[in-house]
Protein backbone atom coordinates (compact mmCIF):
# COMPACT_ATOMS: atom_id res chain seq x y z
CA MET A 1 -28.50 29.60 -1.79
CA MET A 2 -29.28 32.70 -3.38
CA GLY A 3 -32.83 33.27 -1.95
CA PRO A 4 -36.03 33.29 -3.69
CA SER A 5 -35.17 36.34 -5.87
CA GLY A 6 -32.05 34.78 -7.27
CA THR A 7 -33.97 31.75 -8.24
CA PHE A 8 -36.42 33.16 -9.97
CA ALA A 9 -33.67 35.55 -11.67
CA GLY A 10 -31.98 32.21 -12.67
CA TYR A 11 -34.98 31.32 -14.55
CA SER A 12 -35.94 34.20 -16.08
CA LEU A 13 -31.98 34.40 -17.67
CA ILE A 14 -32.67 30.67 -18.59
CA VAL A 15 -36.12 31.90 -20.66
CA PHE A 16 -34.44 35.29 -22.04
CA GLY A 17 -31.28 33.41 -22.98
CA ALA A 18 -33.09 30.76 -24.96
CA ILE A 19 -35.04 33.65 -26.83
CA GLY A 20 -31.83 35.20 -27.33
CA THR A 21 -29.73 32.32 -28.91
CA TYR A 22 -32.40 32.37 -31.30
CA PHE A 23 -30.74 35.87 -32.42
CA SER A 24 -26.79 35.48 -31.45
CA ILE A 25 -25.28 32.68 -30.04
CA THR A 26 -24.13 34.78 -26.66
CA GLY A 27 -27.42 33.94 -25.42
CA LEU A 28 -25.73 30.94 -24.16
CA ILE A 29 -23.75 33.12 -21.43
CA LEU A 30 -27.46 34.16 -20.30
CA ILE A 31 -28.22 30.20 -20.11
CA VAL A 32 -25.55 28.92 -18.17
CA ALA A 33 -25.65 31.94 -15.54
CA GLY A 34 -29.24 31.21 -15.27
CA MET A 35 -28.48 27.70 -14.62
CA PHE A 36 -26.10 28.33 -11.91
CA MET A 37 -28.17 31.08 -10.39
CA ALA A 38 -31.57 28.58 -10.37
CA PHE A 39 -30.10 25.13 -9.67
CA THR A 40 -27.33 25.64 -7.02
CA TYR A 41 -28.02 24.84 -3.50
CA GLU A 42 -26.30 23.61 -0.34
CA GLY A 43 -26.92 20.26 1.62
CA THR A 44 -25.41 17.78 4.18
CA LEU A 45 -24.65 14.29 3.38
CA ILE A 46 -23.97 11.61 6.22
CA ASP A 47 -21.94 8.50 5.77
CA TYR A 48 -23.00 6.08 8.77
CA ASP A 49 -20.53 3.49 7.56
CA THR A 50 -17.65 5.57 7.79
CA ARG A 51 -18.80 8.03 10.15
CA ARG A 52 -18.48 11.21 8.27
CA LEU A 53 -20.56 14.40 7.40
CA GLU A 54 -20.05 16.50 4.59
CA ARG A 55 -21.30 19.90 4.00
CA TYR A 56 -21.90 20.72 -0.03
CA THR A 57 -22.60 23.03 -2.29
CA SER A 58 -24.17 21.36 -5.39
CA LEU A 59 -23.05 23.75 -8.48
CA PHE A 60 -25.72 23.52 -11.38
CA GLY A 61 -27.74 20.83 -9.25
CA ILE A 62 -25.49 18.58 -10.58
CA TYR A 63 -21.71 18.81 -8.98
CA LYS A 64 -21.43 18.37 -5.35
CA ALA A 65 -18.34 20.15 -3.84
CA GLY A 66 -17.30 19.89 -0.49
CA LYS A 67 -15.16 18.40 2.66
CA TRP A 68 -15.89 15.13 4.56
CA ILE A 69 -15.46 15.63 7.92
CA ASN A 70 -15.23 12.91 10.87
CA ALA A 71 -18.12 12.52 13.29
CA ASP A 72 -15.59 12.53 16.38
CA ASP A 73 -14.66 16.10 15.26
CA PHE A 74 -17.95 17.46 16.48
CA SER A 75 -18.82 17.69 20.10
CA LYS A 76 -22.28 18.95 20.77
CA PHE A 77 -25.57 19.65 18.90
CA HIS A 78 -27.10 22.80 18.57
CA ILE A 79 -31.10 23.49 18.04
CA TYR A 80 -32.07 27.05 16.91
CA ARG A 81 -34.74 29.10 15.23
CA SER A 82 -33.65 30.60 11.84
CA ARG A 83 -35.32 33.60 11.05
CA ARG A 84 -34.31 34.97 7.40
CA SER A 85 -35.91 37.45 5.01
CA SER A 86 -35.27 38.37 1.41
CA THR A 87 -36.29 41.81 0.09
CA THR A 88 -36.42 42.72 -3.55
CA TYR A 89 -37.29 46.04 -4.82
CA SER A 90 -39.40 46.59 -8.00
CA ARG A 91 -38.69 49.05 -10.75
CA GLY A 92 -40.97 51.61 -9.01
CA ASN A 93 -38.69 50.90 -5.70
CA VAL A 94 -41.40 49.42 -4.05
CA PRO A 95 -39.81 46.49 -1.55
CA LEU A 96 -41.20 43.07 -1.66
CA THR A 97 -40.07 41.09 1.61
CA VAL A 98 -40.32 37.34 1.70
CA ASN A 99 -39.59 35.75 5.32
CA SER A 100 -38.97 32.57 6.48
CA ASN A 101 -38.65 31.08 9.69
CA ASP A 102 -37.76 27.13 10.68
CA ILE A 103 -35.79 25.11 13.56
CA ARG A 104 -32.49 23.84 12.39
CA LEU A 105 -30.29 21.19 13.62
CA ALA A 106 -26.73 21.64 13.74
CA LEU A 107 -23.25 19.93 15.04
CA LEU A 108 -20.67 22.08 16.37
CA ASN A 109 -17.06 21.35 17.17
CA GLU A 110 -15.36 22.43 20.73
CA SER A 111 -14.65 25.82 19.99
CA GLY A 112 -17.81 26.50 17.41
CA SER A 113 -15.88 27.22 14.47
CA GLN A 114 -16.88 24.28 12.27
CA LYS A 115 -20.85 24.12 12.14
CA ILE A 116 -22.65 21.75 9.82
CA ILE A 117 -26.24 22.14 9.46
CA ILE A 118 -28.02 18.78 9.64
CA ASN A 119 -31.68 19.61 8.32
CA LYS A 120 -34.66 21.99 8.67
CA TYR A 121 -37.56 21.16 10.85
CA ASP A 122 -40.97 22.51 11.58
CA SER A 123 -40.61 21.91 15.68
CA PHE A 124 -38.05 21.83 18.23
CA GLU A 125 -39.35 18.02 19.27
CA SER A 126 -38.87 16.59 15.78
CA ALA A 127 -35.15 18.25 15.60
CA ARG A 128 -34.61 16.67 19.10
CA THR A 129 -36.16 13.41 17.79
CA GLU A 130 -33.50 13.50 14.97
CA MET A 131 -30.74 14.41 17.56
CA SER A 132 -31.25 11.44 19.47
CA GLU A 133 -31.16 9.22 16.22
CA LEU A 134 -28.02 10.87 14.91
CA ILE A 135 -26.44 9.97 18.22
CA LYS A 136 -27.40 6.52 18.10
CA ASP A 137 -26.52 5.95 14.17
CA LEU A 138 -23.09 7.68 14.32
CA LYS A 139 -22.56 6.51 17.49
CA LEU A 140 -21.21 9.51 18.96
CA THR A 141 -19.98 9.38 22.63
CA GLY A 142 -20.22 12.00 25.15
CA LEU A 143 -23.55 13.59 23.88
CA ASN A 144 -26.86 12.75 25.67
CA GLU A 145 -29.93 11.80 23.63
CA TRP A 146 -33.22 13.43 24.23
CA ILE A 147 -35.92 11.56 25.65
CA LYS A 148 -39.59 12.63 24.88
CA PRO A 149 -40.82 14.04 28.54
């Protein structure tokens, strides 16, 4: 959720908070802040029986906060290439940039205002295969399956 720099900073805060707790009880504040930064992430749950999807944020890696949405509210899939970069600067003002590229499968409603990212993939073909399986498993009407040529 916060990128690789935020995750590393979270782990660092946990370590420094544990050391600081030896000297003062206020080190627990650093531990809690570090746990939030290091362990918070986002994901998607799919309930095939009730045909619902939930986009959630897992706070501290334990509590999942999100809202269930009916699968019939979505009308189209979107497969796209995601290019993300995260830049961190050292004390000497030297930039360190980490780039990540992946293919994402998302469900969109008719207007495109509501979007749920299903998963990340290495290739468009694997995303299309997963899309076809979701159409079958969620019994989505009006959406065409992808058939490998």
